[in-house]
Amino acid sequence: MDEPVVCKTKVANVNGIHARPSYAIVSAALGFEATIELHCDGRVADARSILSVMTLGAAHGAEIEVFATGPQAQQAALRMVEILTAEQG
């Protein structure tokens, strides 16, 4: 199995990961040939599941680790970081 691509970032949106950023994460994740997980405070979310992402409960400033595996893992992880570091959404 491929080694995962791991990126660490913090949630920049002042409202945390609420409905709109969750939708952006899932929409982006579905466009990649990769398995993507978001880790926060011991919890894990499947980036392809809106319910999973929303229940992660990541507030503004929360540290997120993005784990991606698969052919497009690098691109997928970087896109997740872009979304998580967006101040609006």
PDB file of N, CA and C in Angstrom:
ATOM      1  N   MET A   1       0.839  -1.193   0.000  1.00  0.00           N
ATOM      2  CA  MET A   1       0.000   0.000   0.000  1.00  0.00           C
ATOM      3  C   MET A   1       0.877   1.247   0.000  1.00  0.00           C
ATOM      4  N   ASP A   2       0.408   2.272  -0.691  1.00  0.00           N
ATOM      5  CA  ASP A   2       1.150   3.526  -0.762  1.00  0.00           C
ATOM      6  C   ASP A   2       1.189   4.219   0.594  1.00  0.00           C
ATOM      7  N   GLU A   3       2.290   4.923   0.827  1.00  0.00           N
ATOM      8  CA  GLU A   3       2.378   5.742   2.033  1.00  0.00           C
ATOM      9  C   GLU A   3       1.419   6.921   1.876  1.00  0.00           C
ATOM     10  N   PRO A   4       0.695   7.281   2.933  1.00  0.00           N
ATOM     11  CA  PRO A   4      -0.221   8.406   2.802  1.00  0.00           C
ATOM     12  C   PRO A   4       0.528   9.738   2.716  1.00  0.00           C
ATOM     13  N   VAL A   5      -0.095  10.665   2.017  1.00  0.00           N
ATOM     14  CA  VAL A   5       0.370  12.052   2.025  1.00  0.00           C
ATOM     15  C   VAL A   5      -0.300  12.681   3.240  1.00  0.00           C
ATOM     16  N   VAL A   6       0.479  13.323   4.107  1.00  0.00           N
ATOM     17  CA  VAL A   6      -0.071  13.916   5.318  1.00  0.00           C
ATOM     18  C   VAL A   6       0.253  15.410   5.331  1.00  0.00           C
ATOM     19  N   CYS A   7      -0.781  16.216   5.520  1.00  0.00           N
ATOM     20  CA  CYS A   7      -0.611  17.670   5.625  1.00  0.00           C
ATOM     21  C   CYS A   7      -1.301  18.130   6.900  1.00  0.00           C
ATOM     22  N   LYS A   8      -0.662  19.034   7.611  1.00  0.00           N
ATOM     23  CA  LYS A   8      -1.272  19.616   8.810  1.00  0.00           C
ATOM     24  C   LYS A   8      -1.627  21.065   8.520  1.00  0.00           C
ATOM     25  N   THR A   9      -2.796  21.468   9.010  1.00  0.00           N
ATOM     26  CA  THR A   9      -3.239  22.847   8.824  1.00  0.00           C
ATOM     27  C   THR A   9      -4.213  23.199   9.941  1.00  0.00           C
ATOM     28  N   LYS A  10      -4.635  24.436   9.957  1.00  0.00           N
ATOM     29  CA  LYS A  10      -5.627  24.880  10.938  1.00  0.00           C
ATOM     30  C   LYS A  10      -6.831  25.445  10.213  1.00  0.00           C
ATOM     31  N   VAL A  11      -7.998  25.267  10.817  1.00  0.00           N
ATOM     32  CA  VAL A  11      -9.240  25.778  10.231  1.00  0.00           C
ATOM     33  C   VAL A  11      -9.231  27.297  10.334  1.00  0.00           C
ATOM     34  N   ALA A  12      -9.297  27.968   9.183  1.00  0.00           N
ATOM     35  CA  ALA A  12      -9.237  29.432   9.161  1.00  0.00           C
ATOM     36  C   ALA A  12     -10.619  30.082   9.261  1.00  0.00           C
ATOM     37  N   ASN A  13     -11.660  29.379   8.830  1.00  0.00           N
ATOM     38  CA  ASN A  13     -13.003  29.955   8.837  1.00  0.00           C
ATOM     39  C   ASN A  13     -13.437  30.226  10.276  1.00  0.00           C
ATOM     40  N   VAL A  14     -13.884  31.453  10.542  1.00  0.00           N
ATOM     41  CA  VAL A  14     -14.256  31.825  11.909  1.00  0.00           C
ATOM     42  C   VAL A  14     -15.432  31.005  12.442  1.00  0.00           C
ATOM     43  N   ASN A  15     -16.218  30.411  11.543  1.00  0.00           N
ATOM     44  CA  ASN A  15     -17.341  29.575  11.958  1.00  0.00           C
ATOM     45  C   ASN A  15     -16.988  28.093  11.985  1.00  0.00           C
ATOM     46  N   GLY A  16     -15.717  27.778  11.761  1.00  0.00           N
ATOM     47  CA  GLY A  16     -15.300  26.377  11.742  1.00  0.00           C
ATOM     48  C   GLY A  16     -15.780  25.676  10.486  1.00  0.00           C
ATOM     49  N   ILE A  17     -15.773  24.358  10.532  1.00  0.00           N
ATOM     50  CA  ILE A  17     -16.235  23.580   9.377  1.00  0.00           C
ATOM     51  C   ILE A  17     -17.735  23.366   9.548  1.00  0.00           C
ATOM     52  N   HIS A  18     -18.501  24.288   8.988  1.00  0.00           N
ATOM     53  CA  HIS A  18     -19.959  24.194   9.035  1.00  0.00           C
ATOM     54  C   HIS A  18     -20.441  23.667   7.684  1.00  0.00           C
ATOM     55  N   ALA A  19     -21.712  23.857   7.353  1.00  0.00           N
ATOM     56  CA  ALA A  19     -22.300  23.252   6.154  1.00  0.00           C
ATOM     57  C   ALA A  19     -21.590  23.641   4.858  1.00  0.00           C
ATOM     58  N   ARG A  20     -21.322  24.921   4.645  1.00  0.00           N
ATOM     59  CA  ARG A  20     -20.748  25.352   3.370  1.00  0.00           C
ATOM     60  C   ARG A  20     -19.334  24.809   3.149  1.00  0.00           C
ATOM     61  N   PRO A  21     -18.413  24.944   4.120  1.00  0.00           N
ATOM     62  CA  PRO A  21     -17.098  24.346   3.901  1.00  0.00           C
ATOM     63  C   PRO A  21     -17.142  22.818   3.834  1.00  0.00           C
ATOM     64  N   SER A  22     -18.067  22.202   4.555  1.00  0.00           N
ATOM     65  CA  SER A  22     -18.209  20.744   4.477  1.00  0.00           C
ATOM     66  C   SER A  22     -18.576  20.336   3.058  1.00  0.00           C
ATOM     67  N   TYR A  23     -19.508  21.072   2.457  1.00  0.00           N
ATOM     68  CA  TYR A  23     -19.909  20.789   1.079  1.00  0.00           C
ATOM     69  C   TYR A  23     -18.725  20.972   0.132  1.00  0.00           C
ATOM     70  N   ALA A  24     -17.941  22.025   0.336  1.00  0.00           N
ATOM     71  CA  ALA A  24     -16.770  22.277  -0.512  1.00  0.00           C
ATOM     72  C   ALA A  24     -15.757  21.139  -0.389  1.00  0.00           C
ATOM     73  N   ILE A  25     -15.543  20.651   0.826  1.00  0.00           N
ATOM     74  CA  ILE A  25     -14.605  19.551   1.061  1.00  0.00           C
ATOM     75  C   ILE A  25     -15.068  18.295   0.335  1.00  0.00           C
ATOM     76  N   VAL A  26     -16.331  17.932   0.525  1.00  0.00           N
ATOM     77  CA  VAL A  26     -16.867  16.712  -0.086  1.00  0.00           C
ATOM     78  C   VAL A  26     -16.871  16.829  -1.610  1.00  0.00           C
ATOM     79  N   SER A  27     -17.304  17.964  -2.131  1.00  0.00           N
ATOM     80  CA  SER A  27     -17.331  18.161  -3.590  1.00  0.00           C
ATOM     81  C   SER A  27     -15.933  18.013  -4.179  1.00  0.00           C
ATOM     82  N   ALA A  28     -14.945  18.594  -3.527  1.00  0.00           N
ATOM     83  CA  ALA A  28     -13.567  18.500  -4.010  1.00  0.00           C
ATOM     84  C   ALA A  28     -13.055  17.065  -3.889  1.00  0.00           C
ATOM     85  N   ALA A  29     -13.329  16.421  -2.764  1.00  0.00           N
ATOM     86  CA  ALA A  29     -12.836  15.057  -2.527  1.00  0.00           C
ATOM     87  C   ALA A  29     -13.356  14.083  -3.580  1.00  0.00           C
ATOM     88  N   LEU A  30     -14.591  14.260  -3.988  1.00  0.00           N
ATOM     89  CA  LEU A  30     -15.186  13.364  -4.970  1.00  0.00           C
ATOM     90  C   LEU A  30     -14.530  13.482  -6.343  1.00  0.00           C
ATOM     91  N   GLY A  31     -13.821  14.574  -6.578  1.00  0.00           N
ATOM     92  CA  GLY A  31     -13.162  14.792  -7.856  1.00  0.00           C
ATOM     93  C   GLY A  31     -11.775  14.170  -7.968  1.00  0.00           C
ATOM     94  N   PHE A  32     -11.302  13.564  -6.903  1.00  0.00           N
ATOM     95  CA  PHE A  32      -9.957  12.980  -6.907  1.00  0.00           C
ATOM     96  C   PHE A  32     -10.007  11.465  -6.794  1.00  0.00           C
ATOM     97  N   GLU A  33      -9.054  10.824  -7.434  1.00  0.00           N
ATOM     98  CA  GLU A  33      -8.886   9.390  -7.277  1.00  0.00           C
ATOM     99  C   GLU A  33      -7.961   9.197  -6.076  1.00  0.00           C
ATOM    100  N   ALA A  34      -8.569   9.325  -4.903  1.00  0.00           N
ATOM    101  CA  ALA A  34      -7.813   9.241  -3.647  1.00  0.00           C
ATOM    102  C   ALA A  34      -8.783   8.984  -2.498  1.00  0.00           C
ATOM    103  N   THR A  35      -8.272   8.362  -1.464  1.00  0.00           N
ATOM    104  CA  THR A  35      -9.004   8.217  -0.215  1.00  0.00           C
ATOM    105  C   THR A  35      -8.492   9.314   0.698  1.00  0.00           C
ATOM    106  N   ILE A  36      -9.401  10.107   1.250  1.00  0.00           N
ATOM    107  CA  ILE A  36      -9.001  11.272   2.042  1.00  0.00           C
ATOM    108  C   ILE A  36      -9.699  11.227   3.392  1.00  0.00           C
ATOM    109  N   GLU A  37      -8.893  11.358   4.446  1.00  0.00           N
ATOM    110  CA  GLU A  37      -9.432  11.438   5.803  1.00  0.00           C
ATOM    111  C   GLU A  37      -8.962  12.730   6.447  1.00  0.00           C
ATOM    112  N   LEU A  38      -9.836  13.293   7.259  1.00  0.00           N
ATOM    113  CA  LEU A  38      -9.500  14.471   8.053  1.00  0.00           C
ATOM    114  C   LEU A  38      -9.472  14.031   9.512  1.00  0.00           C
ATOM    115  N   HIS A  39      -8.362  14.315  10.195  1.00  0.00           N
ATOM    116  CA  HIS A  39      -8.208  13.941  11.606  1.00  0.00           C
ATOM    117  C   HIS A  39      -8.187  15.208  12.451  1.00  0.00           C
ATOM    118  N   CYS A  40      -8.984  15.210  13.525  1.00  0.00           N
ATOM    119  CA  CYS A  40      -9.051  16.371  14.423  1.00  0.00           C
ATOM    120  C   CYS A  40      -9.363  15.885  15.834  1.00  0.00           C
ATOM    121  N   ASP A  41      -8.478  16.161  16.764  1.00  0.00           N
ATOM    122  CA  ASP A  41      -8.693  15.831  18.183  1.00  0.00           C
ATOM    123  C   ASP A  41      -9.132  14.382  18.402  1.00  0.00           C
ATOM    124  N   GLY A  42      -8.480  13.448  17.721  1.00  0.00           N
ATOM    125  CA  GLY A  42      -8.789  12.047  17.909  1.00  0.00           C
ATOM    126  C   GLY A  42      -9.975  11.540  17.108  1.00  0.00           C
ATOM    127  N   ARG A  43     -10.649  12.432  16.384  1.00  0.00           N
ATOM    128  CA  ARG A  43     -11.775  12.036  15.552  1.00  0.00           C
ATOM    129  C   ARG A  43     -11.317  11.969  14.096  1.00  0.00           C
ATOM    130  N   VAL A  44     -11.977  11.122  13.322  1.00  0.00           N
ATOM    131  CA  VAL A  44     -11.615  10.939  11.911  1.00  0.00           C
ATOM    132  C   VAL A  44     -12.859  11.099  11.057  1.00  0.00           C
ATOM    133  N   ALA A  45     -12.730  11.858   9.967  1.00  0.00           N
ATOM    134  CA  ALA A  45     -13.839  12.042   9.034  1.00  0.00           C
ATOM    135  C   ALA A  45     -13.419  11.585   7.644  1.00  0.00           C
ATOM    136  N   ASP A  46     -14.330  10.927   6.961  1.00  0.00           N
ATOM    137  CA  ASP A  46     -14.157  10.572   5.551  1.00  0.00           C
ATOM    138  C   ASP A  46     -14.520  11.811   4.743  1.00  0.00           C
ATOM    139  N   ALA A  47     -13.578  12.343   3.979  1.00  0.00           N
ATOM    140  CA  ALA A  47     -13.802  13.584   3.244  1.00  0.00           C
ATOM    141  C   ALA A  47     -14.839  13.442   2.137  1.00  0.00           C
ATOM    142  N   ARG A  48     -15.277  12.223   1.839  1.00  0.00           N
ATOM    143  CA  ARG A  48     -16.308  12.008   0.819  1.00  0.00           C
ATOM    144  C   ARG A  48     -17.712  11.946   1.420  1.00  0.00           C
ATOM    145  N   SER A  49     -17.821  12.110   2.731  1.00  0.00           N
ATOM    146  CA  SER A  49     -19.118  12.014   3.411  1.00  0.00           C
ATOM    147  C   SER A  49     -19.433  13.331   4.126  1.00  0.00           C
ATOM    148  N   ILE A  50     -20.480  14.015   3.678  1.00  0.00           N
ATOM    149  CA  ILE A  50     -20.818  15.306   4.288  1.00  0.00           C
ATOM    150  C   ILE A  50     -21.157  15.146   5.763  1.00  0.00           C
ATOM    151  N   LEU A  51     -21.858  14.087   6.116  1.00  0.00           N
ATOM    152  CA  LEU A  51     -22.210  13.863   7.522  1.00  0.00           C
ATOM    153  C   LEU A  51     -20.951  13.651   8.352  1.00  0.00           C
ATOM    154  N   SER A  52     -20.025  12.864   7.829  1.00  0.00           N
ATOM    155  CA  SER A  52     -18.771  12.603   8.522  1.00  0.00           C
ATOM    156  C   SER A  52     -17.976  13.892   8.735  1.00  0.00           C
ATOM    157  N   VAL A  53     -17.893  14.721   7.701  1.00  0.00           N
ATOM    158  CA  VAL A  53     -17.127  15.971   7.793  1.00  0.00           C
ATOM    159  C   VAL A  53     -17.795  16.932   8.775  1.00  0.00           C
ATOM    160  N   MET A  54     -19.113  17.063   8.696  1.00  0.00           N
ATOM    161  CA  MET A  54     -19.817  17.997   9.587  1.00  0.00           C
ATOM    162  C   MET A  54     -19.734  17.578  11.052  1.00  0.00           C
ATOM    163  N   THR A  55     -19.758  16.278  11.306  1.00  0.00           N
ATOM    164  CA  THR A  55     -19.705  15.813  12.694  1.00  0.00           C
ATOM    165  C   THR A  55     -18.282  15.779  13.253  1.00  0.00           C
ATOM    166  N   LEU A  56     -17.314  16.149  12.432  1.00  0.00           N
ATOM    167  CA  LEU A  56     -15.939  16.258  12.932  1.00  0.00           C
ATOM    168  C   LEU A  56     -15.866  17.331  14.020  1.00  0.00           C
ATOM    169  N   GLY A  57     -16.734  18.329  13.909  1.00  0.00           N
ATOM    170  CA  GLY A  57     -16.809  19.363  14.933  1.00  0.00           C
ATOM    171  C   GLY A  57     -15.578  20.248  15.013  1.00  0.00           C
ATOM    172  N   ALA A  58     -14.951  20.514  13.881  1.00  0.00           N
ATOM    173  CA  ALA A  58     -13.727  21.324  13.867  1.00  0.00           C
ATOM    174  C   ALA A  58     -14.068  22.808  13.889  1.00  0.00           C
ATOM    175  N   ALA A  59     -13.695  23.463  14.959  1.00  0.00           N
ATOM    176  CA  ALA A  59     -13.958  24.887  15.144  1.00  0.00           C
ATOM    177  C   ALA A  59     -12.811  25.721  14.561  1.00  0.00           C
ATOM    178  N   HIS A  60     -13.017  27.027  14.536  1.00  0.00           N
ATOM    179  CA  HIS A  60     -11.970  27.950  14.085  1.00  0.00           C
ATOM    180  C   HIS A  60     -10.693  27.694  14.880  1.00  0.00           C
ATOM    181  N   GLY A  61      -9.570  27.558  14.185  1.00  0.00           N
ATOM    182  CA  GLY A  61      -8.283  27.352  14.836  1.00  0.00           C
ATOM    183  C   GLY A  61      -7.946  25.909  15.148  1.00  0.00           C
ATOM    184  N   ALA A  62      -8.903  24.998  14.928  1.00  0.00           N
ATOM    185  CA  ALA A  62      -8.641  23.576  15.198  1.00  0.00           C
ATOM    186  C   ALA A  62      -7.564  23.065  14.249  1.00  0.00           C
ATOM    187  N   GLU A  63      -6.686  22.214  14.774  1.00  0.00           N
ATOM    188  CA  GLU A  63      -5.654  21.620  13.928  1.00  0.00           C
ATOM    189  C   GLU A  63      -6.218  20.386  13.241  1.00  0.00           C
ATOM    190  N   ILE A  64      -6.034  20.351  11.936  1.00  0.00           N
ATOM    191  CA  ILE A  64      -6.515  19.245  11.111  1.00  0.00           C
ATOM    192  C   ILE A  64      -5.317  18.571  10.450  1.00  0.00           C
ATOM    193  N   GLU A  65      -5.326  17.254  10.464  1.00  0.00           N
ATOM    194  CA  GLU A  65      -4.348  16.494   9.686  1.00  0.00           C
ATOM    195  C   GLU A  65      -5.119  15.852   8.538  1.00  0.00           C
ATOM    196  N   VAL A  66      -4.641  16.091   7.331  1.00  0.00           N
ATOM    197  CA  VAL A  66      -5.237  15.510   6.142  1.00  0.00           C
ATOM    198  C   VAL A  66      -4.384  14.301   5.748  1.00  0.00           C
ATOM    199  N   PHE A  67      -5.021  13.141   5.652  1.00  0.00           N
ATOM    200  CA  PHE A  67      -4.352  11.920   5.209  1.00  0.00           C
ATOM    201  C   PHE A  67      -4.968  11.526   3.876  1.00  0.00           C
ATOM    202  N   ALA A  68      -4.146  11.408   2.837  1.00  0.00           N
ATOM    203  CA  ALA A  68      -4.651  11.022   1.519  1.00  0.00           C
ATOM    204  C   ALA A  68      -3.789   9.900   0.947  1.00  0.00           C
ATOM    205  N   THR A  69      -4.443   8.933   0.326  1.00  0.00           N
ATOM    206  CA  THR A  69      -3.739   7.846  -0.355  1.00  0.00           C
ATOM    207  C   THR A  69      -4.381   7.654  -1.723  1.00  0.00           C
ATOM    208  N   GLY A  70      -3.607   7.119  -2.641  1.00  0.00           N
ATOM    209  CA  GLY A  70      -4.118   6.858  -3.971  1.00  0.00           C
ATOM    210  C   GLY A  70      -3.355   7.637  -5.024  1.00  0.00           C
ATOM    211  N   PRO A  71      -3.720   7.430  -6.299  1.00  0.00           N
ATOM    212  CA  PRO A  71      -2.990   8.049  -7.404  1.00  0.00           C
ATOM    213  C   PRO A  71      -2.940   9.574  -7.358  1.00  0.00           C
ATOM    214  N   GLN A  72      -3.978  10.210  -6.830  1.00  0.00           N
ATOM    215  CA  GLN A  72      -4.022  11.677  -6.787  1.00  0.00           C
ATOM    216  C   GLN A  72      -3.928  12.207  -5.355  1.00  0.00           C
ATOM    217  N   ALA A  73      -3.265  11.465  -4.498  1.00  0.00           N
ATOM    218  CA  ALA A  73      -3.199  11.822  -3.079  1.00  0.00           C
ATOM    219  C   ALA A  73      -2.591  13.205  -2.852  1.00  0.00           C
ATOM    220  N   GLN A  74      -1.498  13.511  -3.508  1.00  0.00           N
ATOM    221  CA  GLN A  74      -0.823  14.797  -3.304  1.00  0.00           C
ATOM    222  C   GLN A  74      -1.745  15.968  -3.671  1.00  0.00           C
ATOM    223  N   GLN A  75      -2.350  15.882  -4.842  1.00  0.00           N
ATOM    224  CA  GLN A  75      -3.243  16.951  -5.290  1.00  0.00           C
ATOM    225  C   GLN A  75      -4.455  17.074  -4.370  1.00  0.00           C
ATOM    226  N   ALA A  76      -4.991  15.932  -3.956  1.00  0.00           N
ATOM    227  CA  ALA A  76      -6.165  15.927  -3.084  1.00  0.00           C
ATOM    228  C   ALA A  76      -5.856  16.562  -1.733  1.00  0.00           C
ATOM    229  N   ALA A  77      -4.731  16.194  -1.145  1.00  0.00           N
ATOM    230  CA  ALA A  77      -4.352  16.747   0.160  1.00  0.00           C
ATOM    231  C   ALA A  77      -4.158  18.259   0.071  1.00  0.00           C
ATOM    232  N   LEU A  78      -3.500  18.709  -0.986  1.00  0.00           N
ATOM    233  CA  LEU A  78      -3.277  20.154  -1.146  1.00  0.00           C
ATOM    234  C   LEU A  78      -4.590  20.910  -1.334  1.00  0.00           C
ATOM    235  N   ARG A  79      -5.532  20.314  -2.046  1.00  0.00           N
ATOM    236  CA  ARG A  79      -6.836  20.966  -2.232  1.00  0.00           C
ATOM    237  C   ARG A  79      -7.586  21.049  -0.909  1.00  0.00           C
ATOM    238  N   MET A  80      -7.495  20.007  -0.089  1.00  0.00           N
ATOM    239  CA  MET A  80      -8.152  20.038   1.221  1.00  0.00           C
ATOM    240  C   MET A  80      -7.572  21.169   2.072  1.00  0.00           C
ATOM    241  N   VAL A  81      -6.256  21.321   2.036  1.00  0.00           N
ATOM    242  CA  VAL A  81      -5.607  22.390   2.794  1.00  0.00           C
ATOM    243  C   VAL A  81      -6.089  23.753   2.289  1.00  0.00           C
ATOM    244  N   GLU A  82      -6.210  23.911   0.987  1.00  0.00           N
ATOM    245  CA  GLU A  82      -6.729  25.178   0.429  1.00  0.00           C
ATOM    246  C   GLU A  82      -8.095  25.504   0.987  1.00  0.00           C
ATOM    247  N   ILE A  83      -8.969  24.516   1.014  1.00  0.00           N
ATOM    248  CA  ILE A  83     -10.336  24.740   1.517  1.00  0.00           C
ATOM    249  C   ILE A  83     -10.317  25.046   3.008  1.00  0.00           C
ATOM    250  N   LEU A  84      -9.541  24.287   3.763  1.00  0.00           N
ATOM    251  CA  LEU A  84      -9.506  24.479   5.218  1.00  0.00           C
ATOM    252  C   LEU A  84      -8.895  25.811   5.624  1.00  0.00           C
ATOM    253  N   THR A  85      -8.008  26.342   4.811  1.00  0.00           N
ATOM    254  CA  THR A  85      -7.363  27.599   5.158  1.00  0.00           C
ATOM    255  C   THR A  85      -8.081  28.812   4.560  1.00  0.00           C
ATOM    256  N   ALA A  86      -9.168  28.585   3.842  1.00  0.00           N
ATOM    257  CA  ALA A  86      -9.967  29.702   3.312  1.00  0.00           C
ATOM    258  C   ALA A  86     -10.719  30.357   4.463  1.00  0.00           C
ATOM    259  N   GLU A  87     -10.642  31.662   4.540  1.00  0.00           N
ATOM    260  CA  GLU A  87     -11.302  32.365   5.650  1.00  0.00           C
ATOM    261  C   GLU A  87     -12.802  32.484   5.456  1.00  0.00           C
ATOM    262  N   GLN A  88     -13.253  32.408   4.231  1.00  0.00           N
ATOM    263  CA  GLN A  88     -14.689  32.487   3.936  1.00  0.00           C
ATOM    264  C   GLN A  88     -15.148  31.149   3.395  1.00  0.00           C
ATOM    265  N   GLY A  89     -16.414  30.913   3.509  1.00  0.00           N
ATOM    266  CA  GLY A  89     -16.957  29.683   2.914  1.00  0.00           C
ATOM    267  C   GLY A  89     -18.185  29.238   3.607  1.00  0.00           C
TER     268      GLY A  89
END
